Amino acid sequence: MIIVDVESSGTDPIKHSILSIGALDFDNPENQFYGECKIWEGAHIMDEALIVNGFSREEATDKNKQTEPELVKKFIDWALACGEHTFAGQNISFDRDFIHNACFRGHLNWPFAYRTIDQHSLCYMHMIKQVINPPVNKNRTDLNSDKIMQYVGVPVEPHPHNALNGAKVACEAISRMLFDKKLLPEFEKFEIPWILESAT
């Protein structure tokens, strides 16, 4: 799996642009990728998105930064050198669609599958198997990234969000839910709650 997180200038992969990509190779988590780019010419910017990811308009439009196709090409080259290319992460269809649309705009071949592994679905299933009712709000699941991190026992992602940090916390959460196993050294001191409970 490739754990991927994209920060963007908005929520629509057609009219908004990638600002950064962070990723880890799940089978070799020391193999990491991070890069930033300027928005493509004509891309929209949502102020709300910049609040989430911490980029300023000046940073998003910095002419000295690489272009979106240049960043995506580097990411593709890195990802294809990993063993398995399945994308995984929190709300991973968002990240996949941004990278896919960037490939289309930049005339780059899309080498990845459309099937993904979503952290939300893994957590929902894990909670059910632990006989825990997943949180619901307005009659629908309310498992956002922060609640999943609390569930698996690691600190929530710092704000504003950074794509590599987002990929790291997702990678750790997925490892804990799939294998009951800690993965990254920065989370080693945080116990896995359901294992800690079973030991007491």
C-alpha atoms as a PDB file:
ATOM      1  CA  MET A   1       0.000   0.000   0.000  1.00  0.00           C
ATOM      2  CA  ILE A   2       0.939   3.596  -0.566  1.00  0.00           C
ATOM      3  CA  ILE A   3      -0.450   5.824   2.179  1.00  0.00           C
ATOM      4  CA  VAL A   4      -1.242   9.138   0.502  1.00  0.00           C
ATOM      5  CA  ASP A   5      -2.375  12.562   1.685  1.00  0.00           C
ATOM      6  CA  VAL A   6      -2.979  15.556  -0.564  1.00  0.00           C
ATOM      7  CA  GLU A   7      -3.363  19.168   0.540  1.00  0.00           C
ATOM      8  CA  SER A   8      -5.183  21.295  -2.000  1.00  0.00           C
ATOM      9  CA  SER A   9      -6.540  24.747  -2.754  1.00  0.00           C
ATOM     10  CA  GLY A  10     -10.116  23.483  -2.340  1.00  0.00           C
ATOM     11  CA  THR A  11     -12.361  20.444  -2.381  1.00  0.00           C
ATOM     12  CA  ASP A  12     -13.116  20.034  -6.093  1.00  0.00           C
ATOM     13  CA  PRO A  13     -10.402  18.107  -8.007  1.00  0.00           C
ATOM     14  CA  ILE A  14     -11.553  19.649 -11.277  1.00  0.00           C
ATOM     15  CA  LYS A  15     -11.395  23.339 -10.390  1.00  0.00           C
ATOM     16  CA  HIS A  16      -8.931  23.287  -7.481  1.00  0.00           C
ATOM     17  CA  SER A  17      -5.223  22.426  -7.445  1.00  0.00           C
ATOM     18  CA  ILE A  18      -2.885  20.221  -5.480  1.00  0.00           C
ATOM     19  CA  LEU A  19      -0.621  22.202  -3.131  1.00  0.00           C
ATOM     20  CA  SER A  20       1.317  19.309  -1.615  1.00  0.00           C
ATOM     21  CA  ILE A  21       1.537  15.516  -1.584  1.00  0.00           C
ATOM     22  CA  GLY A  22       2.773  13.394   1.311  1.00  0.00           C
ATOM     23  CA  ALA A  23       3.121   9.619   1.118  1.00  0.00           C
ATOM     24  CA  LEU A  24       4.675   6.557   2.761  1.00  0.00           C
ATOM     25  CA  ASP A  25       5.349   3.066   1.474  1.00  0.00           C
ATOM     26  CA  PHE A  26       3.422   0.955   4.014  1.00  0.00           C
ATOM     27  CA  ASP A  27       5.761  -2.018   3.602  1.00  0.00           C
ATOM     28  CA  ASN A  28       8.815   0.210   4.051  1.00  0.00           C
ATOM     29  CA  PRO A  29       7.612   3.272   5.993  1.00  0.00           C
ATOM     30  CA  GLU A  30      11.048   4.859   6.056  1.00  0.00           C
ATOM     31  CA  ASN A  31      10.517   5.355   2.305  1.00  0.00           C
ATOM     32  CA  GLN A  32       8.626   8.647   2.299  1.00  0.00           C
ATOM     33  CA  PHE A  33       7.662  11.307  -0.228  1.00  0.00           C
ATOM     34  CA  TYR A  34       6.856  14.991   0.222  1.00  0.00           C
ATOM     35  CA  GLY A  35       6.586  17.809  -2.277  1.00  0.00           C
ATOM     36  CA  GLU A  36       4.832  21.130  -2.821  1.00  0.00           C
ATOM     37  CA  CYS A  37       3.734  22.983  -5.939  1.00  0.00           C
ATOM     38  CA  LYS A  38       2.069  26.195  -7.042  1.00  0.00           C
ATOM     39  CA  ILE A  39      -1.528  26.054  -8.254  1.00  0.00           C
ATOM     40  CA  TRP A  40      -2.133  25.584 -11.962  1.00  0.00           C
ATOM     41  CA  GLU A  41      -3.050  28.773 -13.797  1.00  0.00           C
ATOM     42  CA  GLY A  42      -6.762  29.461 -13.383  1.00  0.00           C
ATOM     43  CA  ALA A  43      -7.239  27.141 -10.404  1.00  0.00           C
ATOM     44  CA  HIS A  44      -9.636  28.387  -7.740  1.00  0.00           C
ATOM     45  CA  ILE A  45      -8.610  28.937  -4.126  1.00  0.00           C
ATOM     46  CA  MET A  46     -10.939  28.448  -1.158  1.00  0.00           C
ATOM     47  CA  ASP A  47     -10.004  30.439   1.933  1.00  0.00           C
ATOM     48  CA  GLU A  48     -11.392  27.598   4.075  1.00  0.00           C
ATOM     49  CA  ALA A  49      -8.948  25.151   2.473  1.00  0.00           C
ATOM     50  CA  LEU A  50      -5.990  27.414   3.218  1.00  0.00           C
ATOM     51  CA  ILE A  51      -7.060  27.593   6.855  1.00  0.00           C
ATOM     52  CA  VAL A  52      -6.957  23.776   7.003  1.00  0.00           C
ATOM     53  CA  ASN A  53      -3.582  23.313   5.304  1.00  0.00           C
ATOM     54  CA  GLY A  54      -1.811  26.486   6.420  1.00  0.00           C
ATOM     55  CA  PHE A  55      -0.709  27.655   2.971  1.00  0.00           C
ATOM     56  CA  SER A  56      -1.009  31.356   2.214  1.00  0.00           C
ATOM     57  CA  ARG A  57      -2.225  32.656  -1.154  1.00  0.00           C
ATOM     58  CA  GLU A  58       1.327  33.864  -1.771  1.00  0.00           C
ATOM     59  CA  GLU A  59       2.707  30.362  -1.161  1.00  0.00           C
ATOM     60  CA  ALA A  60      -0.004  28.773  -3.303  1.00  0.00           C
ATOM     61  CA  THR A  61       0.862  31.023  -6.240  1.00  0.00           C
ATOM     62  CA  ASP A  62       4.636  31.244  -5.728  1.00  0.00           C
ATOM     63  CA  LYS A  63       6.135  31.285  -9.229  1.00  0.00           C
ATOM     64  CA  ASN A  64       9.370  29.797  -7.884  1.00  0.00           C
ATOM     65  CA  LYS A  65       7.625  26.561  -6.914  1.00  0.00           C
ATOM     66  CA  GLN A  66       7.360  23.605  -9.279  1.00  0.00           C
ATOM     67  CA  THR A  67       4.181  23.112 -11.277  1.00  0.00           C
ATOM     68  CA  GLU A  68       1.456  20.629 -10.388  1.00  0.00           C
ATOM     69  CA  PRO A  69       2.465  18.242 -13.240  1.00  0.00           C
ATOM     70  CA  GLU A  70       6.111  18.374 -12.142  1.00  0.00           C
ATOM     71  CA  LEU A  71       5.156  17.425  -8.581  1.00  0.00           C
ATOM     72  CA  VAL A  72       2.790  14.662  -9.695  1.00  0.00           C
ATOM     73  CA  LYS A  73       5.404  13.218 -12.072  1.00  0.00           C
ATOM     74  CA  LYS A  74       7.889  13.018  -9.189  1.00  0.00           C
ATOM     75  CA  PHE A  75       5.261  11.364  -7.003  1.00  0.00           C
ATOM     76  CA  ILE A  76       4.432   8.808  -9.708  1.00  0.00           C
ATOM     77  CA  ASP A  77       8.103   7.947 -10.181  1.00  0.00           C
ATOM     78  CA  TRP A  78       8.490   7.481  -6.419  1.00  0.00           C
ATOM     79  CA  ALA A  79       5.275   5.450  -6.066  1.00  0.00           C
ATOM     80  CA  LEU A  80       6.021   3.087  -8.943  1.00  0.00           C
ATOM     81  CA  ALA A  81       9.272   2.126  -7.244  1.00  0.00           C
ATOM     82  CA  CYS A  82       7.271   0.861  -4.238  1.00  0.00           C
ATOM     83  CA  GLY A  83       6.227  -2.769  -4.047  1.00  0.00           C
ATOM     84  CA  GLU A  84       2.439  -2.364  -4.027  1.00  0.00           C
ATOM     85  CA  HIS A  85       0.689   0.617  -5.579  1.00  0.00           C
ATOM     86  CA  THR A  86      -2.745   0.476  -3.921  1.00  0.00           C
ATOM     87  CA  PHE A  87      -3.621   3.876  -2.427  1.00  0.00           C
ATOM     88  CA  ALA A  88      -4.760   3.998   1.208  1.00  0.00           C
ATOM     89  CA  GLY A  89      -5.592   6.779   3.639  1.00  0.00           C
ATOM     90  CA  GLN A  90      -8.345   8.875   5.183  1.00  0.00           C
ATOM     91  CA  ASN A  91     -11.062   9.666   2.617  1.00  0.00           C
ATOM     92  CA  ILE A  92      -8.588   8.383   0.053  1.00  0.00           C
ATOM     93  CA  SER A  93     -10.888   8.885  -2.932  1.00  0.00           C
ATOM     94  CA  PHE A  94     -10.320  12.636  -2.423  1.00  0.00           C
ATOM     95  CA  ASP A  95      -6.549  12.243  -2.761  1.00  0.00           C
ATOM     96  CA  ARG A  96      -6.801   9.747  -5.634  1.00  0.00           C
ATOM     97  CA  ASP A  97      -9.135  12.044  -7.584  1.00  0.00           C
ATOM     98  CA  PHE A  98      -6.861  15.064  -7.138  1.00  0.00           C
ATOM     99  CA  ILE A  99      -3.843  13.138  -8.406  1.00  0.00           C
ATOM    100  CA  HIS A 100      -5.861  11.626 -11.256  1.00  0.00           C
ATOM    101  CA  ASN A 101      -7.163  15.022 -12.396  1.00  0.00           C
ATOM    102  CA  ALA A 102      -3.657  16.480 -12.144  1.00  0.00           C
ATOM    103  CA  CYS A 103      -2.470  13.692 -14.467  1.00  0.00           C
ATOM    104  CA  PHE A 104      -5.230  14.591 -16.928  1.00  0.00           C
ATOM    105  CA  ARG A 105      -4.365  18.309 -16.844  1.00  0.00           C
ATOM    106  CA  GLY A 106      -0.646  17.625 -17.129  1.00  0.00           C
ATOM    107  CA  HIS A 107      -0.959  15.009 -19.917  1.00  0.00           C
ATOM    108  CA  LEU A 108       0.534  12.326 -17.667  1.00  0.00           C
ATOM    109  CA  ASN A 109      -0.395   8.663 -17.827  1.00  0.00           C
ATOM    110  CA  TRP A 110      -2.443   7.435 -14.835  1.00  0.00           C
ATOM    111  CA  PRO A 111      -0.666   4.235 -13.745  1.00  0.00           C
ATOM    112  CA  PHE A 112      -2.704   3.433 -10.620  1.00  0.00           C
ATOM    113  CA  ALA A 113      -5.835   1.417  -9.903  1.00  0.00           C
ATOM    114  CA  TYR A 114      -9.126   3.007  -8.856  1.00  0.00           C
ATOM    115  CA  ARG A 115      -9.653   0.603  -5.971  1.00  0.00           C
ATOM    116  CA  THR A 116      -8.453   2.095  -2.691  1.00  0.00           C
ATOM    117  CA  ILE A 117      -8.329   1.220   1.011  1.00  0.00           C
ATOM    118  CA  ASP A 118     -10.140   3.798   3.105  1.00  0.00           C
ATOM    119  CA  GLN A 119      -9.114   4.306   6.725  1.00  0.00           C
ATOM    120  CA  HIS A 120     -12.686   5.248   7.650  1.00  0.00           C
ATOM    121  CA  SER A 121     -14.054   1.899   6.457  1.00  0.00           C
ATOM    122  CA  LEU A 122     -11.312   0.012   8.286  1.00  0.00           C
ATOM    123  CA  CYS A 123     -12.086   1.850  11.512  1.00  0.00           C
ATOM    124  CA  TYR A 124     -15.845   1.352  11.167  1.00  0.00           C
ATOM    125  CA  MET A 125     -15.339  -2.393  10.739  1.00  0.00           C
ATOM    126  CA  HIS A 126     -12.778  -2.554  13.559  1.00  0.00           C
ATOM    127  CA  MET A 127     -15.165  -0.838  15.976  1.00  0.00           C
ATOM    128  CA  ILE A 128     -18.014  -3.194  15.048  1.00  0.00           C
ATOM    129  CA  LYS A 129     -15.767  -6.201  15.668  1.00  0.00           C
ATOM    130  CA  GLN A 130     -14.835  -4.709  19.064  1.00  0.00           C
ATOM    131  CA  VAL A 131     -18.572  -4.383  19.822  1.00  0.00           C
ATOM    132  CA  ILE A 132     -18.317  -0.593  19.792  1.00  0.00           C
ATOM    133  CA  ASN A 133     -20.944   1.521  18.078  1.00  0.00           C
ATOM    134  CA  PRO A 134     -19.257   3.879  15.594  1.00  0.00           C
ATOM    135  CA  PRO A 135     -20.171   7.531  16.252  1.00  0.00           C
ATOM    136  CA  VAL A 136     -23.125   8.855  14.265  1.00  0.00           C
ATOM    137  CA  ASN A 137     -24.187  12.440  13.566  1.00  0.00           C
ATOM    138  CA  LYS A 138     -27.301  13.371  11.580  1.00  0.00           C
ATOM    139  CA  ASN A 139     -27.957   9.681  10.907  1.00  0.00           C
ATOM    140  CA  ARG A 140     -24.602   9.057   9.248  1.00  0.00           C
ATOM    141  CA  THR A 141     -21.166   7.950  10.326  1.00  0.00           C
ATOM    142  CA  ASP A 142     -19.117  10.589  12.098  1.00  0.00           C
ATOM    143  CA  LEU A 143     -15.678   8.966  12.071  1.00  0.00           C
ATOM    144  CA  ASN A 144     -13.363  11.763  10.976  1.00  0.00           C
ATOM    145  CA  SER A 145      -9.578  11.549  11.118  1.00  0.00           C
ATOM    146  CA  ASP A 146      -9.312  13.046  14.618  1.00  0.00           C
ATOM    147  CA  LYS A 147     -11.781  10.520  16.068  1.00  0.00           C
ATOM    148  CA  ILE A 148      -9.969   7.657  14.361  1.00  0.00           C
ATOM    149  CA  MET A 149      -6.642   8.787  15.833  1.00  0.00           C
ATOM    150  CA  GLN A 150      -8.203   8.930  19.284  1.00  0.00           C
ATOM    151  CA  TYR A 151      -9.599   5.435  18.745  1.00  0.00           C
ATOM    152  CA  VAL A 152      -6.243   3.924  17.744  1.00  0.00           C
ATOM    153  CA  GLY A 153      -4.387   5.753  20.527  1.00  0.00           C
ATOM    154  CA  VAL A 154      -2.221   8.294  18.701  1.00  0.00           C
ATOM    155  CA  PRO A 155      -2.302  12.114  18.851  1.00  0.00           C
ATOM    156  CA  VAL A 156      -4.529  13.794  16.314  1.00  0.00           C
ATOM    157  CA  GLU A 157      -2.835  15.371  13.320  1.00  0.00           C
ATOM    158  CA  PRO A 158      -1.488  18.851  14.170  1.00  0.00           C
ATOM    159  CA  HIS A 159      -3.265  21.862  12.699  1.00  0.00           C
ATOM    160  CA  PRO A 160      -2.744  23.288  10.165  1.00  0.00           C
ATOM    161  CA  HIS A 161      -2.489  20.012   8.291  1.00  0.00           C
ATOM    162  CA  ASN A 162       0.670  18.927   6.502  1.00  0.00           C
ATOM    163  CA  ALA A 163       0.443  16.237   3.828  1.00  0.00           C
ATOM    164  CA  LEU A 164       3.341  14.164   5.168  1.00  0.00           C
ATOM    165  CA  ASN A 165       2.016  14.345   8.737  1.00  0.00           C
ATOM    166  CA  GLY A 166      -1.389  13.282   7.430  1.00  0.00           C
ATOM    167  CA  ALA A 167       0.128  10.301   5.661  1.00  0.00           C
ATOM    168  CA  LYS A 168       2.085   9.332   8.784  1.00  0.00           C
ATOM    169  CA  VAL A 169      -0.883   9.310  11.151  1.00  0.00           C
ATOM    170  CA  ALA A 170      -2.963   7.389   8.597  1.00  0.00           C
ATOM    171  CA  CYS A 171      -0.154   4.865   8.151  1.00  0.00           C
ATOM    172  CA  GLU A 172       0.109   4.319  11.894  1.00  0.00           C
ATOM    173  CA  ALA A 173      -3.665   4.004  12.309  1.00  0.00           C
ATOM    174  CA  ILE A 174      -3.953   1.483   9.489  1.00  0.00           C
ATOM    175  CA  SER A 175      -1.131  -0.633  10.893  1.00  0.00           C
ATOM    176  CA  ARG A 176      -2.784  -0.724  14.303  1.00  0.00           C
ATOM    177  CA  MET A 177      -6.213  -1.652  12.933  1.00  0.00           C
ATOM    178  CA  LEU A 178      -4.989  -4.264  10.459  1.00  0.00           C
ATOM    179  CA  PHE A 179      -2.198  -5.908  12.450  1.00  0.00           C
ATOM    180  CA  ASP A 180      -2.489  -4.711  16.087  1.00  0.00           C
ATOM    181  CA  LYS A 181       1.007  -3.389  15.481  1.00  0.00           C
ATOM    182  CA  LYS A 182       2.798  -0.091  16.068  1.00  0.00           C
ATOM    183  CA  LEU A 183       4.680   1.046  12.984  1.00  0.00           C
ATOM    184  CA  LEU A 184       6.399   4.437  13.132  1.00  0.00           C
ATOM    185  CA  PRO A 185       8.975   5.331  15.812  1.00  0.00           C
ATOM    186  CA  GLU A 186       7.307   8.662  16.606  1.00  0.00           C
ATOM    187  CA  PHE A 187       4.214   6.789  17.822  1.00  0.00           C
ATOM    188  CA  GLU A 188       6.014   4.011  19.711  1.00  0.00           C
ATOM    189  CA  LYS A 189       5.248   5.463  23.142  1.00  0.00           C
ATOM    190  CA  PHE A 190       1.508   5.498  22.482  1.00  0.00           C
ATOM    191  CA  GLU A 191      -0.176   2.231  23.405  1.00  0.00           C
ATOM    192  CA  ILE A 192      -2.808   0.508  21.294  1.00  0.00           C
ATOM    193  CA  PRO A 193      -5.958   0.912  23.410  1.00  0.00           C
ATOM    194  CA  TRP A 194      -7.645  -2.455  22.766  1.00  0.00           C
ATOM    195  CA  ILE A 195      -4.391  -4.352  23.443  1.00  0.00           C
ATOM    196  CA  LEU A 196      -3.786  -2.359  26.632  1.00  0.00           C
ATOM    197  CA  GLU A 197      -7.340  -3.127  27.808  1.00  0.00           C
ATOM    198  CA  SER A 198      -7.026  -6.846  27.113  1.00  0.00           C
ATOM    199  CA  ALA A 199      -3.774  -6.976  29.101  1.00  0.00           C
ATOM    200  CA  THR A 200      -5.339  -5.453  32.254  1.00  0.00           C
END
